[in-house]
N, C-alpha and C. Protein backbone atom coordinates (compact mmCIF):
# COMPACT_ATOMS: atom_id res chain seq x y z
N UNK A 1 -1.37 -2.15 -9.04
CA UNK A 1 -0.95 -1.19 -9.90
C UNK A 1 -0.38 -2.05 -11.19
N UNK A 2 -0.45 -2.33 -12.17
CA UNK A 2 0.46 -3.05 -13.24
C UNK A 2 1.73 -1.82 -13.40
N UNK A 3 2.34 -2.32 -13.67
CA UNK A 3 3.40 -1.65 -14.45
C UNK A 3 3.73 -2.21 -15.80
N UNK A 4 4.06 -1.11 -16.88
CA UNK A 4 4.62 -1.47 -18.06
C UNK A 4 6.12 -1.86 -17.73
N UNK A 5 6.68 -2.32 -19.24
CA UNK A 5 8.08 -2.55 -19.01
C UNK A 5 9.22 -1.57 -18.79
N UNK A 6 8.80 -0.11 -18.73
CA UNK A 6 9.79 0.66 -18.57
C UNK A 6 10.18 0.59 -17.10
N UNK A 7 8.60 0.65 -16.14
CA UNK A 7 8.75 1.17 -15.21
C UNK A 7 9.01 -0.13 -14.17
N UNK A 8 8.70 -1.24 -14.76
CA UNK A 8 9.23 -2.61 -14.07
C UNK A 8 11.04 -2.58 -14.34
N UNK A 9 11.56 -2.39 -15.13
CA UNK A 9 12.98 -2.03 -15.55
C UNK A 9 13.55 -1.07 -14.16
N UNK A 10 13.00 0.27 -14.53
CA UNK A 10 13.47 1.17 -13.63
C UNK A 10 13.23 0.65 -11.78
N UNK A 11 11.73 0.00 -11.70
CA UNK A 11 12.14 -0.67 -10.01
C UNK A 11 13.08 -1.48 -10.02
N UNK A 12 13.17 -2.65 -11.03
CA UNK A 12 13.99 -3.30 -10.45
C UNK A 12 15.83 -2.85 -10.13
N UNK A 13 15.92 -1.77 -11.58
CA UNK A 13 17.15 -0.91 -10.76
C UNK A 13 16.71 -0.22 -9.54
N UNK A 14 16.24 -0.19 -9.21
CA UNK A 14 15.87 0.92 -7.73
C UNK A 14 16.19 -0.25 -6.82
N UNK A 15 15.50 -1.36 -6.74
CA UNK A 15 15.60 -2.32 -5.95
C UNK A 15 17.16 -2.93 -5.74
N UNK A 16 17.93 -3.19 -6.75
CA UNK A 16 19.34 -3.81 -6.54
C UNK A 16 19.69 -2.22 -5.96
N UNK A 17 19.57 -0.94 -6.15
CA UNK A 17 20.71 0.44 -5.92
C UNK A 17 20.14 0.62 -4.61
N UNK A 18 18.90 0.34 -4.17
CA UNK A 18 18.78 0.78 -2.77
C UNK A 18 18.75 -0.56 -1.59
N UNK A 19 18.81 -2.14 -2.14
CA UNK A 19 19.62 -2.80 -1.68
C UNK A 19 21.07 -3.00 -1.50
N UNK A 20 21.86 -2.47 -2.29
CA UNK A 20 22.95 -2.09 -1.61
C UNK A 20 23.02 -0.88 -0.43
N UNK A 21 22.67 0.17 -0.65
CA UNK A 21 22.79 0.98 -0.42
C UNK A 21 22.14 1.40 1.15
N UNK A 22 20.90 0.17 1.31
CA UNK A 22 20.55 0.06 2.65
C UNK A 22 21.57 -0.87 3.28
N UNK A 23 22.26 -1.85 3.06
CA UNK A 23 23.43 -2.52 3.82
C UNK A 23 24.43 -1.55 4.03
N UNK A 24 24.53 -0.51 3.58
CA UNK A 24 25.69 0.28 3.76
C UNK A 24 25.41 1.55 5.22
N UNK A 25 24.32 1.28 5.33
CA UNK A 25 23.58 2.31 6.60
C UNK A 25 24.57 2.21 7.63
N UNK A 26 24.91 2.90 8.69
CA UNK A 26 25.39 2.89 9.88
C UNK A 26 24.58 2.77 10.91
N UNK A 27 23.05 3.20 10.64
CA UNK A 27 21.79 3.03 11.71
C UNK A 27 21.80 1.73 12.34
N UNK A 28 22.28 1.46 13.64
CA UNK A 28 22.11 0.45 14.12
C UNK A 28 20.69 -0.10 14.68
N UNK A 29 19.83 0.62 14.18
CA UNK A 29 18.34 0.07 14.38
C UNK A 29 18.12 -0.80 12.95
N UNK A 30 18.94 -0.67 12.10
CA UNK A 30 18.82 -1.23 10.46
C UNK A 30 19.21 -3.07 11.12
N UNK A 31 18.11 -4.06 10.57
CA UNK A 31 18.50 -5.32 11.00
C UNK A 31 19.11 -5.74 9.97
N UNK A 32 18.77 -7.36 9.50
CA UNK A 32 19.08 -7.66 8.12
C UNK A 32 18.01 -7.75 7.13
N UNK A 33 17.76 -6.75 6.29
CA UNK A 33 17.03 -6.27 5.61
C UNK A 33 16.90 -6.61 4.42
N UNK A 34 15.81 -7.23 3.28
CA UNK A 34 16.21 -7.58 2.46
C UNK A 34 15.02 -7.00 1.54
N UNK A 35 15.53 -6.09 0.49
CA UNK A 35 14.73 -5.26 -0.26
C UNK A 35 13.56 -6.51 -1.28
N UNK A 36 12.78 -6.82 -1.14
CA UNK A 36 12.09 -7.80 -1.96
C UNK A 36 11.38 -7.23 -3.44
N UNK A 37 10.95 -6.04 -3.33
CA UNK A 37 10.12 -5.38 -4.53
C UNK A 37 10.31 -3.71 -4.20
N UNK A 38 10.44 -3.04 -5.79
CA UNK A 38 10.12 -1.94 -5.67
C UNK A 38 8.98 -1.57 -6.79
N UNK A 39 7.83 -0.91 -6.34
CA UNK A 39 6.98 -0.72 -7.24
C UNK A 39 6.86 1.13 -7.41
N UNK A 40 6.92 1.30 -8.68
CA UNK A 40 6.52 2.94 -8.97
C UNK A 40 5.69 3.61 -9.55
N UNK A 41 5.25 4.88 -9.11
CA UNK A 41 4.36 5.42 -10.08
C UNK A 41 4.21 5.42 -11.36
N UNK A 42 3.30 5.58 -12.07
CA UNK A 42 3.72 5.67 -13.63
C UNK A 42 4.55 6.73 -13.74
N UNK A 43 4.37 7.90 -12.86
CA UNK A 43 4.98 9.36 -13.18
C UNK A 43 6.72 9.25 -12.66
N UNK A 44 6.91 8.04 -12.06
CA UNK A 44 8.16 7.71 -11.65
C UNK A 44 8.48 8.63 -10.14
N UNK A 45 7.25 9.62 -9.61
CA UNK A 45 7.32 10.46 -8.66
C UNK A 45 7.29 9.78 -7.61
N UNK A 46 6.84 8.62 -7.08
CA UNK A 46 6.94 7.80 -5.76
C UNK A 46 7.45 6.73 -6.49
N UNK A 47 8.11 5.71 -4.91
CA UNK A 47 8.64 4.35 -5.40
C UNK A 47 8.18 3.73 -3.83
N UNK A 48 7.22 2.63 -4.06
CA UNK A 48 7.13 2.10 -2.98
C UNK A 48 7.99 0.94 -2.56
N UNK A 49 9.00 0.77 -1.54
CA UNK A 49 10.35 0.20 -1.43
C UNK A 49 9.66 -1.06 -0.66
N UNK A 50 9.56 -2.41 -1.18
CA UNK A 50 8.92 -3.32 0.27
C UNK A 50 10.43 -4.15 0.54
N UNK A 51 10.07 -4.49 1.62
CA UNK A 51 11.16 -4.91 2.26
C UNK A 51 10.66 -6.30 3.44
N UNK A 52 11.44 -7.12 3.99
CA UNK A 52 11.54 -7.83 4.82
C UNK A 52 12.71 -7.72 5.82
N UNK A 53 12.29 -8.46 7.00
CA UNK A 53 13.59 -8.23 8.35
C UNK A 53 13.60 -9.13 8.99
N UNK A 54 14.50 -9.84 9.43
CA UNK A 54 15.39 -11.18 10.48
C UNK A 54 14.57 -10.50 11.67
N UNK A 55 13.73 -11.04 12.35
CA UNK A 55 14.19 -10.69 13.92
C UNK A 55 12.39 -10.45 14.20
N UNK A 56 12.26 -10.16 15.65
CA UNK A 56 10.74 -10.15 16.19
C UNK A 56 10.57 -8.63 15.80
N UNK A 57 9.18 -8.40 16.23
CA UNK A 57 8.54 -7.44 16.07
C UNK A 57 9.50 -5.85 16.55
N UNK A 58 10.25 -5.94 17.54
CA UNK A 58 10.66 -4.99 18.06
C UNK A 58 12.01 -4.46 17.09
N UNK A 59 12.42 -5.84 16.53
CA UNK A 59 13.93 -5.29 15.63
C UNK A 59 12.94 -4.49 13.95
N UNK A 60 11.93 -5.18 13.92
CA UNK A 60 11.13 -4.50 12.51
C UNK A 60 10.76 -3.42 12.54
N UNK A 61 10.30 -2.68 14.21
CA UNK A 61 9.63 -1.75 14.46
C UNK A 61 11.07 -0.65 14.10
N UNK A 62 12.03 -1.44 14.80
CA UNK A 62 13.39 -0.29 14.52
C UNK A 62 14.18 -0.08 13.16
N UNK A 63 13.90 -1.23 12.60
CA UNK A 63 14.47 -1.25 11.03
C UNK A 63 13.38 -0.05 10.06
N UNK A 64 11.80 -0.27 10.45
CA UNK A 64 11.09 0.63 9.60
C UNK A 64 11.46 2.09 10.45
N UNK A 65 11.55 2.59 11.53
CA UNK A 65 12.17 3.64 11.56
C UNK A 65 13.44 3.73 11.18
N UNK A 66 14.25 3.26 11.40
CA UNK A 66 15.79 3.38 10.19
C UNK A 66 15.50 4.08 8.82
N UNK A 67 14.79 3.13 8.55
CA UNK A 67 14.65 3.40 7.06
C UNK A 67 13.77 4.55 6.64
N UNK A 68 12.65 4.64 7.41
CA UNK A 68 12.19 6.11 7.02
C UNK A 68 13.08 7.52 7.31
N UNK A 69 13.61 7.18 8.29
CA UNK A 69 14.84 8.52 9.44
C UNK A 69 15.85 8.42 7.72
N UNK A 70 16.12 7.16 6.85
CA UNK A 70 17.27 7.24 6.14
C UNK A 70 16.86 7.90 4.91
N UNK A 71 15.45 7.79 4.58
CA UNK A 71 15.06 8.26 3.40
C UNK A 71 15.48 8.77 2.32
N UNK A 72 15.74 10.48 3.33
CA UNK A 72 16.22 11.49 2.07
C UNK A 72 17.58 10.98 1.81
N UNK A 73 18.33 10.55 2.69
CA UNK A 73 19.67 9.98 2.20
C UNK A 73 19.93 8.74 1.18
N UNK A 74 18.82 7.90 1.08
CA UNK A 74 19.00 6.52 0.27
C UNK A 74 18.22 7.72 -1.25
N UNK A 75 17.31 8.76 -0.86
CA UNK A 75 16.78 9.19 -2.01
C UNK A 75 18.14 9.82 -2.83
N UNK A 76 18.95 10.79 -2.00
CA UNK A 76 20.05 11.13 -2.92
C UNK A 76 21.07 9.58 -3.46
N UNK A 77 21.23 8.96 -2.89
CA UNK A 77 22.15 7.82 -3.16
C UNK A 77 21.31 7.41 -4.69
N UNK A 78 19.99 7.20 -4.55
CA UNK A 78 19.45 6.66 -5.75
C UNK A 78 19.40 7.82 -6.64
N UNK A 79 19.19 9.11 -6.49
CA UNK A 79 19.40 10.14 -7.39
C UNK A 79 20.57 10.18 -8.24
N UNK A 80 22.12 10.08 -7.54
CA UNK A 80 23.38 10.07 -8.06
C UNK A 80 23.64 8.86 -8.99
N UNK A 81 23.28 7.73 -8.20
CA UNK A 81 23.06 6.53 -9.76
C UNK A 81 22.60 6.52 -10.80
N UNK A 82 21.02 7.18 -10.57
CA UNK A 82 20.27 6.84 -11.82
C UNK A 82 20.25 8.19 -12.46
N UNK A 83 19.71 8.02 -13.53
CA UNK A 83 19.65 9.23 -14.62
C UNK A 83 18.76 9.56 -15.15
N UNK A 84 17.89 10.25 -14.36
CA UNK A 84 16.11 10.26 -14.52
C UNK A 84 15.81 11.48 -14.44
N UNK A 85 14.82 12.58 -14.93
CA UNK A 85 14.39 13.77 -14.98
C UNK A 85 14.40 14.09 -13.52
N UNK A 86 13.42 13.28 -12.44
CA UNK A 86 13.01 13.14 -11.28
C UNK A 86 13.45 12.13 -10.31
N UNK A 87 13.58 12.42 -8.96
CA UNK A 87 14.46 11.17 -8.22
C UNK A 87 12.96 10.71 -7.38
N UNK A 88 12.44 9.75 -7.39
CA UNK A 88 11.25 9.74 -6.70
C UNK A 88 11.09 9.75 -4.98
N UNK A 89 10.22 10.30 -4.43
CA UNK A 89 9.67 9.95 -3.29
C UNK A 89 9.94 8.51 -2.63
N UNK A 90 10.91 8.02 -1.79
CA UNK A 90 10.70 6.78 -1.04
C UNK A 90 9.55 6.64 -0.24
N UNK A 91 8.94 5.41 0.04
CA UNK A 91 8.02 5.19 0.82
C UNK A 91 7.74 3.65 1.43
N UNK A 92 9.02 3.19 2.20
CA UNK A 92 9.45 2.15 2.95
C UNK A 92 8.15 1.23 3.60
N UNK A 93 7.88 0.07 2.91
CA UNK A 93 6.56 -0.90 3.23
C UNK A 93 7.14 -2.30 3.75
N UNK A 94 6.89 -2.88 4.75
CA UNK A 94 7.08 -3.92 5.18
C UNK A 94 6.19 -5.15 4.25
N UNK A 95 6.90 -5.84 3.40
CA UNK A 95 6.34 -6.74 2.51
C UNK A 95 6.06 -7.69 3.31
N UNK A 96 4.56 -8.01 3.58
CA UNK A 96 3.79 -8.81 4.06
C UNK A 96 3.64 -10.54 3.40
N UNK A 97 3.70 -10.39 2.27
CA UNK A 97 3.78 -11.97 1.47
C UNK A 97 4.46 -13.09 2.15
N UNK A 98 5.74 -12.82 2.69
CA UNK A 98 6.48 -14.01 2.95
C UNK A 98 5.29 -14.71 4.23
N UNK A 99 5.31 -13.30 5.50
CA UNK A 99 4.62 -13.70 6.28
C UNK A 99 3.27 -14.45 6.00
N UNK A 100 2.61 -13.92 5.09
CA UNK A 100 1.26 -14.64 4.78
C UNK A 100 1.07 -15.72 3.96
N UNK A 101 2.54 -16.49 3.59
CA UNK A 101 3.00 -17.41 2.78
C UNK A 101 3.26 -18.43 4.00
N UNK A 102 3.80 -18.10 4.77
CA UNK A 102 4.82 -18.94 5.98
C UNK A 102 3.04 -19.46 6.67
N UNK A 103 1.92 -18.54 7.13
CA UNK A 103 0.72 -18.85 7.82
C UNK A 103 -0.29 -19.77 6.79
N UNK A 104 0.19 -19.83 5.44
CA UNK A 104 -0.89 -20.31 4.69
C UNK A 104 0.13 -21.95 4.96
N UNK A 105 1.32 -22.02 5.03
CA UNK A 105 2.11 -23.56 4.77
C UNK A 105 1.87 -23.82 6.28
N UNK A 106 1.71 -23.20 7.44
CA UNK A 106 1.54 -23.95 8.43
C UNK A 106 -0.12 -24.44 8.48
N UNK A 107 -1.18 -23.59 8.16
CA UNK A 107 -2.44 -24.13 7.93
C UNK A 107 -2.44 -25.19 7.17
N UNK A 108 -1.80 -25.37 6.08
CA UNK A 108 -1.82 -26.59 5.10
C UNK A 108 -1.21 -27.79 5.90
N UNK A 109 -0.06 -27.56 7.02
CA UNK A 109 0.23 -28.61 7.51
C UNK A 109 -0.49 -28.96 8.33
N UNK A 110 -1.02 -28.38 9.37
CA UNK A 110 -2.08 -28.75 9.97
C UNK A 110 -3.41 -29.61 9.66
N UNK A 111 -3.69 -29.03 7.93
CA UNK A 111 -4.82 -30.04 7.67
C UNK A 111 -4.34 -31.38 6.81
N UNK A 112 -3.28 -31.47 6.50
CA UNK A 112 -2.45 -32.35 6.42
C UNK A 112 -2.42 -33.32 7.64
N UNK A 113 -2.08 -32.91 8.67
CA UNK A 113 -1.89 -33.62 9.72
C UNK A 113 -3.01 -34.02 10.43
N UNK A 114 -4.17 -33.30 10.17
CA UNK A 114 -5.56 -33.66 11.02
C UNK A 114 -6.07 -34.56 9.82
N UNK A 115 -5.98 -34.58 8.24
CA UNK A 115 -6.34 -35.58 7.61
C UNK A 115 -5.66 -37.12 7.92
N UNK A 116 -4.35 -36.98 8.30
CA UNK A 116 -3.87 -38.47 8.51
C UNK A 116 -4.56 -38.82 9.70
N UNK A 117 -5.19 -38.57 10.96
CA UNK A 117 -5.56 -38.86 11.82
C UNK A 117 -6.92 -39.77 11.22
N UNK A 118 -7.77 -39.32 10.32
CA UNK A 118 -8.95 -40.04 9.86
C UNK A 118 -9.06 -41.10 9.84
């Protein structure tokens, strides 16, 4: 979903606010989280928050559950710091791009290693 300049500015502001707010969560399930991006719907009613978390699948599942349960609190915090008519619904989604990039790097390393044996 392409975003215009206003939506891009709003997305970046949301990303900064949410990254800081998530670090302040007291939930022990929240691991080391990096908010990588926020995409907002054109009407600003929904914000998809993309994140990565350090650790294994168990840590990722715990963080996902913690973020979803903290969504109302994070939404209030966002509403307190922004001045828009509507505070968007937050939808947390793991960012798959870093994992995909790592897989591609591994495959490229294998291709280069196989090429060296010829």
